[in-house]
Amino acid sequence: MKTGSETHELLLSDTSVPDLFIVQYMQDLSKDATALYLWLLMNGNKAFTEKDAKRFGLIPESDIGKALGELVSSSLILRKEDGSFLFEDLKKREVDSYIKAAREGDLSDGTALSADEKARNVLAGSINKTFYQGNMPYLFYRLVDKCLYEYKFDSPVVYSLFEEGRDKRIHLSVTGMYSLAQAWYDKGYNDPERLSSYLSRKNDVEGMISLMGKLTRRRMNGIDIERIEHWVNDYGSTKELVEYAFKVNEYRGNITMKHVDDKLKEWYAADISDIDKAMVYENERKTENQTKIRKKLAKDNVWKTGSEAGIEVSRKEDDAKASKKEDPEDRDEILDMFGNGDEND
């Protein structure tokens, strides 16, 4: 390993880092793995050991093995049988990949350029300039060919694929971009019409993420976004419907995403897909609940009628009271107390 100068000199040397590392590999590495790789390059020797890596004191010794393993799995360094490590030659591997592709193209394996080579070059050049500032690695050119000639994507779809990769910040990840292309192929997004439906739903999701961020006054996390995608893709919910689902939960005080999710799920089960139907449904539920409450209050009321309280008067007693008449003798005695007008006649 290069140990550096022991004299008090300014550090004015340069470390050569392949652009391929910056464009194609660095995004997928952790901070520790990236820093360790650069320090190893700066120290010059092609071969090094784990002990050499620990000598830097760059990261905790307990994390050195993990960082080296990450570099090995990313094919940036190679572990030898004796436990030492070697740097992979990224430039040579890029050239070898290009040569191999050219040979396979001669064998017509489905990725060779067809008669519309000029259109393909215009598309690839536009992608290179727009998303990679003219530094697109060859593997992404291969991805363009794979999309055009194997997946049968229309050119606008291929361009949109790289737009999507940039929006998701995976356009510098070979694995991420190839996985995204495979996912689009599996879902049938190979022509502008089918893709437009997907992009429309994507815009709906983005708008709904912004809406829920304002309503809940917090940043949406990964689980929140998955819920929102579920609302759009599976329930077909609109922003208006989601906002109403939030408002009907206001009585709770602290409204969570699950409260909104439960309400949208309830409406979906009731075949409700627009806000007008949802309002009718909620009004009917409100009326039903108010009726139930009144009945419950009446049942629990302490001021009850005799019948509700279990006090019953027999029919015979009622009939006796209704049929009872004044005794004539009693009436005469009362009148006599005040004098009888007949005596003066």
Protein backbone atom coordinates (compact mmCIF):
# COMPACT_ATOMS: atom_id res chain seq x y z
CA MET A 1 0.00 0.00 0.00
CA LYS A 2 1.09 3.54 -0.68
CA THR A 3 1.80 5.20 2.66
CA GLY A 4 2.11 8.78 1.49
CA SER A 5 4.79 11.33 2.25
CA GLU A 6 5.98 11.76 5.80
CA THR A 7 7.17 15.29 5.08
CA HIS A 8 5.06 18.37 5.67
CA GLU A 9 3.96 18.85 2.08
CA LEU A 10 0.74 20.10 0.59
CA LEU A 11 -1.58 17.37 -0.69
CA LEU A 12 -1.72 18.28 -4.38
CA SER A 13 -1.92 14.83 -5.95
CA ASP A 14 -4.91 13.58 -7.97
CA THR A 15 -6.83 10.32 -7.79
CA SER A 16 -8.15 8.90 -11.02
CA VAL A 17 -11.71 7.66 -10.71
CA PRO A 18 -13.41 6.08 -13.75
CA ASP A 19 -16.49 8.00 -14.85
CA LEU A 20 -18.21 4.62 -15.03
CA PHE A 21 -17.95 4.40 -11.24
CA ILE A 22 -19.63 7.78 -10.80
CA VAL A 23 -22.39 7.20 -13.32
CA GLN A 24 -23.10 3.50 -12.96
CA TYR A 25 -22.07 2.31 -9.50
CA MET A 26 -21.83 5.09 -6.94
CA GLN A 27 -25.56 5.67 -6.52
CA ASP A 28 -26.14 2.12 -5.31
CA LEU A 29 -23.34 2.23 -2.72
CA SER A 30 -23.58 3.25 0.92
CA LYS A 31 -21.61 6.24 2.16
CA ASP A 32 -19.11 3.97 3.93
CA ALA A 33 -18.51 1.79 0.86
CA THR A 34 -18.08 4.83 -1.40
CA ALA A 35 -15.64 6.53 0.95
CA LEU A 36 -13.63 3.34 1.43
CA TYR A 37 -13.41 2.74 -2.34
CA LEU A 38 -12.10 6.26 -2.95
CA TRP A 39 -9.54 6.00 -0.15
CA LEU A 40 -8.36 2.66 -1.50
CA LEU A 41 -7.97 4.17 -4.97
CA MET A 42 -6.08 7.13 -3.55
CA ASN A 43 -3.56 4.81 -1.95
CA GLY A 44 -2.66 3.44 -5.32
CA ASN A 45 -1.94 -0.28 -5.13
CA LYS A 46 -4.15 -2.67 -7.03
CA ALA A 47 -4.00 -5.30 -4.27
CA PHE A 48 -4.87 -4.70 -0.62
CA THR A 49 -6.08 -6.54 2.47
CA GLU A 50 -8.77 -5.94 5.06
CA LYS A 51 -6.00 -4.91 7.46
CA ASP A 52 -4.97 -2.19 5.00
CA ALA A 53 -8.55 -0.92 4.86
CA LYS A 54 -8.76 -0.77 8.66
CA ARG A 55 -5.57 1.26 8.81
CA PHE A 56 -7.33 4.34 7.43
CA GLY A 57 -9.56 4.69 10.50
CA LEU A 58 -12.18 5.93 8.09
CA ILE A 59 -15.10 3.93 9.48
CA PRO A 60 -15.45 1.68 12.56
CA GLU A 61 -13.44 -1.54 12.20
CA SER A 62 -16.62 -3.55 12.80
CA ASP A 63 -18.08 -2.04 9.60
CA ILE A 64 -15.05 -2.63 7.35
CA GLY A 65 -16.10 -6.17 6.43
CA LYS A 66 -19.60 -5.01 5.48
CA ALA A 67 -18.26 -2.20 3.28
CA LEU A 68 -15.80 -4.53 1.54
CA GLY A 69 -18.58 -7.06 0.99
CA GLU A 70 -20.68 -4.35 -0.61
CA LEU A 71 -17.86 -3.47 -3.00
CA VAL A 72 -17.41 -7.14 -3.89
CA SER A 73 -21.13 -7.66 -4.55
CA SER A 74 -21.13 -4.54 -6.75
CA SER A 75 -18.25 -6.03 -8.80
CA LEU A 76 -15.97 -3.12 -7.97
CA ILE A 77 -13.35 -5.27 -6.22
CA LEU A 78 -12.52 -8.96 -6.43
CA ARG A 79 -11.73 -11.19 -3.42
CA LYS A 80 -8.86 -13.63 -4.02
CA GLU A 81 -8.47 -17.06 -2.46
CA ASP A 82 -5.83 -15.79 -0.01
CA GLY A 83 -8.31 -13.22 1.38
CA SER A 84 -6.76 -10.18 -0.29
CA PHE A 85 -8.62 -7.93 -2.73
CA LEU A 86 -8.08 -6.58 -6.24
CA PHE A 87 -9.71 -3.67 -8.03
CA GLU A 88 -11.89 -4.66 -10.98
CA ASP A 89 -10.99 -2.96 -14.27
CA LEU A 90 -14.26 -1.15 -15.00
CA LYS A 91 -13.13 0.21 -18.36
CA LYS A 92 -12.01 -3.18 -19.64
CA ARG A 93 -15.30 -4.72 -18.53
CA GLU A 94 -17.23 -2.03 -20.39
CA VAL A 95 -15.29 -2.68 -23.58
CA ASP A 96 -15.70 -6.44 -23.22
CA SER A 97 -19.44 -5.99 -22.77
CA TYR A 98 -19.60 -3.91 -25.94
CA ILE A 99 -17.65 -6.49 -27.94
CA LYS A 100 -19.81 -9.31 -26.67
CA ALA A 101 -22.97 -7.43 -27.63
CA ALA A 102 -21.62 -6.77 -31.10
CA ARG A 103 -20.88 -10.46 -31.59
CA GLU A 104 -24.33 -11.44 -30.35
CA GLY A 105 -25.80 -8.90 -32.70
CA ASP A 106 -24.15 -10.67 -35.62
CA LEU A 107 -25.95 -13.81 -34.49
CA SER A 108 -29.29 -11.96 -34.58
CA ASP A 109 -30.27 -12.68 -30.98
CA GLY A 110 -33.01 -10.07 -30.98
CA THR A 111 -30.93 -7.14 -29.76
CA ALA A 112 -29.15 -6.34 -33.04
CA LEU A 113 -30.00 -3.01 -34.63
CA SER A 114 -32.71 -3.17 -37.24
CA ALA A 115 -33.29 -1.09 -40.37
CA ASP A 116 -34.46 1.90 -38.30
CA GLU A 117 -30.97 2.32 -36.83
CA LYS A 118 -31.07 6.06 -37.48
CA ALA A 119 -34.23 6.50 -35.40
CA ARG A 120 -32.73 4.38 -32.64
CA ASN A 121 -29.57 6.49 -32.60
CA VAL A 122 -31.60 9.69 -32.40
CA LEU A 123 -33.58 8.26 -29.46
CA ALA A 124 -30.49 6.99 -27.63
CA GLY A 125 -28.68 10.27 -28.23
CA SER A 126 -31.60 12.24 -26.82
CA ILE A 127 -31.72 10.02 -23.72
CA ASN A 128 -27.95 10.33 -23.30
CA LYS A 129 -28.04 14.13 -23.53
CA THR A 130 -31.17 14.67 -21.41
CA PHE A 131 -30.63 12.24 -18.54
CA TYR A 132 -26.87 11.61 -18.51
CA GLN A 133 -25.37 14.90 -19.77
CA GLY A 134 -23.59 13.00 -22.54
CA ASN A 135 -22.05 10.39 -20.22
CA MET A 136 -24.45 7.46 -20.54
CA PRO A 137 -22.77 4.09 -19.87
CA TYR A 138 -22.97 1.47 -22.57
CA LEU A 139 -25.26 -0.79 -20.54
CA PHE A 140 -27.98 1.85 -20.82
CA TYR A 141 -27.57 1.88 -24.60
CA ARG A 142 -28.09 -1.86 -24.37
CA LEU A 143 -31.24 -1.21 -22.36
CA VAL A 144 -32.55 1.06 -25.12
CA ASP A 145 -31.99 -1.76 -27.63
CA LYS A 146 -33.59 -4.31 -25.34
CA CYS A 147 -36.68 -2.13 -24.98
CA LEU A 148 -36.96 -1.48 -28.71
CA TYR A 149 -36.20 -4.89 -30.15
CA GLU A 150 -37.01 -7.40 -27.43
CA TYR A 151 -39.79 -5.73 -25.46
CA LYS A 152 -41.16 -4.00 -28.60
CA PHE A 153 -41.61 -0.65 -26.85
CA ASP A 154 -42.50 2.31 -29.03
CA SER A 155 -39.84 5.04 -28.99
CA PRO A 156 -41.92 7.47 -26.84
CA VAL A 157 -42.35 4.68 -24.29
CA VAL A 158 -38.57 4.12 -24.10
CA TYR A 159 -38.01 7.83 -23.52
CA SER A 160 -40.73 7.87 -20.83
CA LEU A 161 -39.02 4.92 -19.16
CA PHE A 162 -35.90 7.00 -18.58
CA GLU A 163 -38.03 9.93 -17.42
CA GLU A 164 -39.61 7.65 -14.86
CA GLY A 165 -36.16 6.44 -13.80
CA ARG A 166 -34.99 9.98 -13.25
CA ASP A 167 -38.11 10.86 -11.26
CA LYS A 168 -37.50 7.81 -9.05
CA ARG A 169 -33.77 8.61 -8.93
CA ILE A 170 -32.81 5.22 -10.27
CA HIS A 171 -31.68 6.30 -13.75
CA LEU A 172 -28.06 5.83 -12.67
CA SER A 173 -28.71 2.32 -11.38
CA VAL A 174 -28.35 -0.39 -14.00
CA THR A 175 -30.26 -2.90 -11.87
CA GLY A 176 -33.00 -0.41 -11.10
CA MET A 177 -33.53 0.62 -14.71
CA TYR A 178 -33.53 -2.92 -16.06
CA SER A 179 -36.03 -3.92 -13.36
CA LEU A 180 -38.27 -0.97 -14.23
CA ALA A 181 -38.20 -1.90 -17.93
CA GLN A 182 -39.10 -5.50 -17.06
CA ALA A 183 -41.99 -4.28 -14.90
CA TRP A 184 -43.36 -2.12 -17.72
CA TYR A 185 -43.07 -5.03 -20.14
CA ASP A 186 -44.91 -7.34 -17.73
CA LYS A 187 -47.72 -4.78 -17.35
CA GLY A 188 -47.99 -4.20 -21.11
CA TYR A 189 -46.86 -0.56 -21.18
CA ASN A 190 -45.37 -0.92 -24.64
CA ASP A 191 -47.36 1.66 -26.59
CA PRO A 192 -48.27 5.32 -25.88
CA GLU A 193 -51.96 4.58 -25.34
CA ARG A 194 -51.39 2.01 -22.62
CA LEU A 195 -48.61 4.08 -21.12
CA SER A 196 -50.79 7.20 -20.97
CA SER A 197 -53.21 5.37 -18.69
CA TYR A 198 -50.34 4.53 -16.36
CA LEU A 199 -48.95 8.07 -16.47
CA SER A 200 -52.41 9.48 -15.73
CA ARG A 201 -52.67 7.32 -12.62
CA LYS A 202 -49.14 8.34 -11.70
CA ASN A 203 -50.14 12.01 -11.86
CA ASP A 204 -53.21 11.24 -9.75
CA VAL A 205 -50.99 9.60 -7.14
CA GLU A 206 -48.62 12.57 -7.07
CA GLY A 207 -51.52 14.99 -6.70
CA MET A 208 -53.02 12.90 -3.92
CA ILE A 209 -49.68 12.73 -2.10
CA SER A 210 -49.59 16.52 -2.12
CA LEU A 211 -53.21 16.72 -0.94
CA MET A 212 -52.74 14.32 1.97
CA GLY A 213 -49.55 16.12 2.95
CA LYS A 214 -51.54 19.35 3.31
CA LEU A 215 -54.46 17.72 5.12
CA THR A 216 -52.34 15.78 7.60
CA ARG A 217 -49.64 18.47 7.81
CA ARG A 218 -46.82 15.99 7.50
CA ARG A 219 -44.61 14.42 4.85
CA MET A 220 -45.90 11.20 3.33
CA ASN A 221 -43.67 8.17 3.97
CA GLY A 222 -43.33 4.93 2.02
CA ILE A 223 -46.31 3.22 3.66
CA ASP A 224 -48.47 6.30 3.08
CA ILE A 225 -47.55 6.37 -0.61
CA GLU A 226 -48.35 2.67 -0.97
CA ARG A 227 -51.80 3.35 0.50
CA ILE A 228 -52.36 6.24 -1.89
CA GLU A 229 -51.30 4.12 -4.87
CA HIS A 230 -53.79 1.50 -3.69
CA TRP A 231 -56.56 4.12 -3.59
CA VAL A 232 -55.82 5.25 -7.14
CA ASN A 233 -54.96 1.95 -8.83
CA ASP A 234 -57.40 -0.40 -7.07
CA TYR A 235 -60.26 1.77 -5.79
CA GLY A 236 -60.19 4.36 -8.58
CA SER A 237 -60.51 7.11 -5.97
CA THR A 238 -60.35 10.78 -6.96
CA LYS A 239 -58.81 13.64 -5.00
CA GLU A 240 -62.28 14.94 -4.17
CA LEU A 241 -63.37 11.58 -2.82
CA VAL A 242 -60.23 11.20 -0.71
CA GLU A 243 -60.61 14.70 0.71
CA TYR A 244 -64.22 13.94 1.64
CA ALA A 245 -63.11 10.68 3.28
CA PHE A 246 -60.75 12.78 5.39
CA LYS A 247 -63.46 15.28 6.34
CA VAL A 248 -66.02 12.69 7.45
CA ASN A 249 -63.41 11.54 9.98
CA GLU A 250 -62.90 15.02 11.48
CA TYR A 251 -64.93 14.10 14.54
CA ARG A 252 -62.01 11.87 15.58
CA GLY A 253 -59.69 14.81 16.12
CA ASN A 254 -56.43 13.07 15.21
CA ILE A 255 -57.09 11.63 11.75
CA THR A 256 -54.71 8.96 10.50
CA MET A 257 -54.14 7.56 7.02
CA LYS A 258 -55.75 4.32 8.21
CA HIS A 259 -58.99 6.17 9.05
CA VAL A 260 -59.13 7.50 5.49
CA ASP A 261 -58.16 4.09 4.09
CA ASP A 262 -60.92 2.35 6.08
CA LYS A 263 -63.54 4.82 4.83
CA LEU A 264 -62.47 4.45 1.18
CA LYS A 265 -62.51 0.68 1.60
CA GLU A 266 -66.04 0.88 3.01
CA TRP A 267 -67.22 2.99 0.08
CA TYR A 268 -65.54 0.71 -2.44
CA ALA A 269 -67.36 -2.29 -0.93
CA ALA A 270 -70.61 -0.32 -1.29
CA ASP A 271 -69.81 0.38 -4.99
CA ILE A 272 -69.29 4.10 -4.36
CA SER A 273 -66.80 5.74 -6.70
CA ASP A 274 -67.75 9.43 -6.73
CA ILE A 275 -68.32 12.11 -4.14
CA ASP A 276 -72.05 12.57 -4.81
CA LYS A 277 -72.82 8.94 -4.02
CA ALA A 278 -70.53 9.12 -1.01
CA MET A 279 -72.41 12.14 0.37
CA VAL A 280 -75.76 10.38 -0.03
CA TYR A 281 -74.36 7.28 1.64
CA GLU A 282 -72.97 9.25 4.58
CA ASN A 283 -76.20 11.22 5.04
CA GLU A 284 -78.19 7.99 5.16
CA ARG A 285 -75.78 6.57 7.71
CA LYS A 286 -76.05 9.73 9.75
CA THR A 287 -79.84 9.48 9.79
CA GLU A 288 -79.67 5.82 10.79
CA ASN A 289 -77.25 6.57 13.59
CA GLN A 290 -79.41 9.41 14.90
CA THR A 291 -82.43 7.11 14.94
CA LYS A 292 -80.48 4.48 16.85
CA ILE A 293 -79.32 7.07 19.36
CA ARG A 294 -82.87 8.35 19.98
CA LYS A 295 -84.11 4.83 20.55
CA LYS A 296 -81.27 4.10 22.91
CA LEU A 297 -81.87 7.31 24.85
CA ALA A 298 -85.57 6.54 25.11
CA LYS A 299 -84.79 3.05 26.36
CA ASP A 300 -82.42 4.37 29.02
CA ASN A 301 -84.67 7.32 30.05
CA VAL A 302 -85.59 7.32 33.82
CA TRP A 303 -88.82 9.23 33.16
CA LYS A 304 -90.90 6.36 31.85
CA THR A 305 -94.61 5.81 31.54
CA GLY A 306 -96.22 3.40 33.94
CA SER A 307 -96.46 0.79 31.25
CA GLU A 308 -92.70 1.25 30.27
CA ALA A 309 -91.79 1.04 33.98
CA GLY A 310 -93.72 -2.20 34.40
CA ILE A 311 -96.55 -0.67 36.43
CA GLU A 312 -99.86 -1.95 35.09
CA VAL A 313 -103.37 -1.29 36.33
CA SER A 314 -105.77 -4.17 35.94
CA ARG A 315 -108.61 -3.73 33.49
CA LYS A 316 -111.13 -4.64 36.23
CA GLU A 317 -109.91 -1.81 38.43
CA ASP A 318 -110.12 0.62 35.53
CA ASP A 319 -113.66 -0.52 34.75
CA ALA A 320 -114.68 -0.21 38.41
CA LYS A 321 -113.41 3.35 38.56
CA ALA A 322 -115.05 4.30 35.30
CA SER A 323 -118.44 2.82 36.25
CA LYS A 324 -118.56 4.14 39.82
CA LYS A 325 -121.32 6.78 40.30
CA GLU A 326 -122.15 9.15 43.14
CA ASP A 327 -124.55 7.78 45.75
CA PRO A 328 -127.78 9.94 45.76
CA GLU A 329 -127.85 9.97 49.54
CA ASP A 330 -124.36 11.34 49.71
CA ARG A 331 -125.35 14.06 47.26
CA ASP A 332 -128.36 15.09 49.35
CA GLU A 333 -126.28 15.33 52.50
CA ILE A 334 -123.87 17.67 50.78
CA LEU A 335 -126.62 19.88 49.45
CA ASP A 336 -128.29 20.02 52.86
CA MET A 337 -125.12 21.50 54.32
CA PHE A 338 -125.61 24.55 52.10
CA GLY A 339 -129.37 24.60 52.22
CA ASN A 340 -131.86 23.29 49.71
CA GLY A 341 -133.60 25.85 47.57
CA ASP A 342 -136.76 23.66 47.32
CA GLU A 343 -137.73 24.40 50.93
CA ASN A 344 -138.35 28.11 50.16
CA ASP A 345 -140.84 27.27 47.44
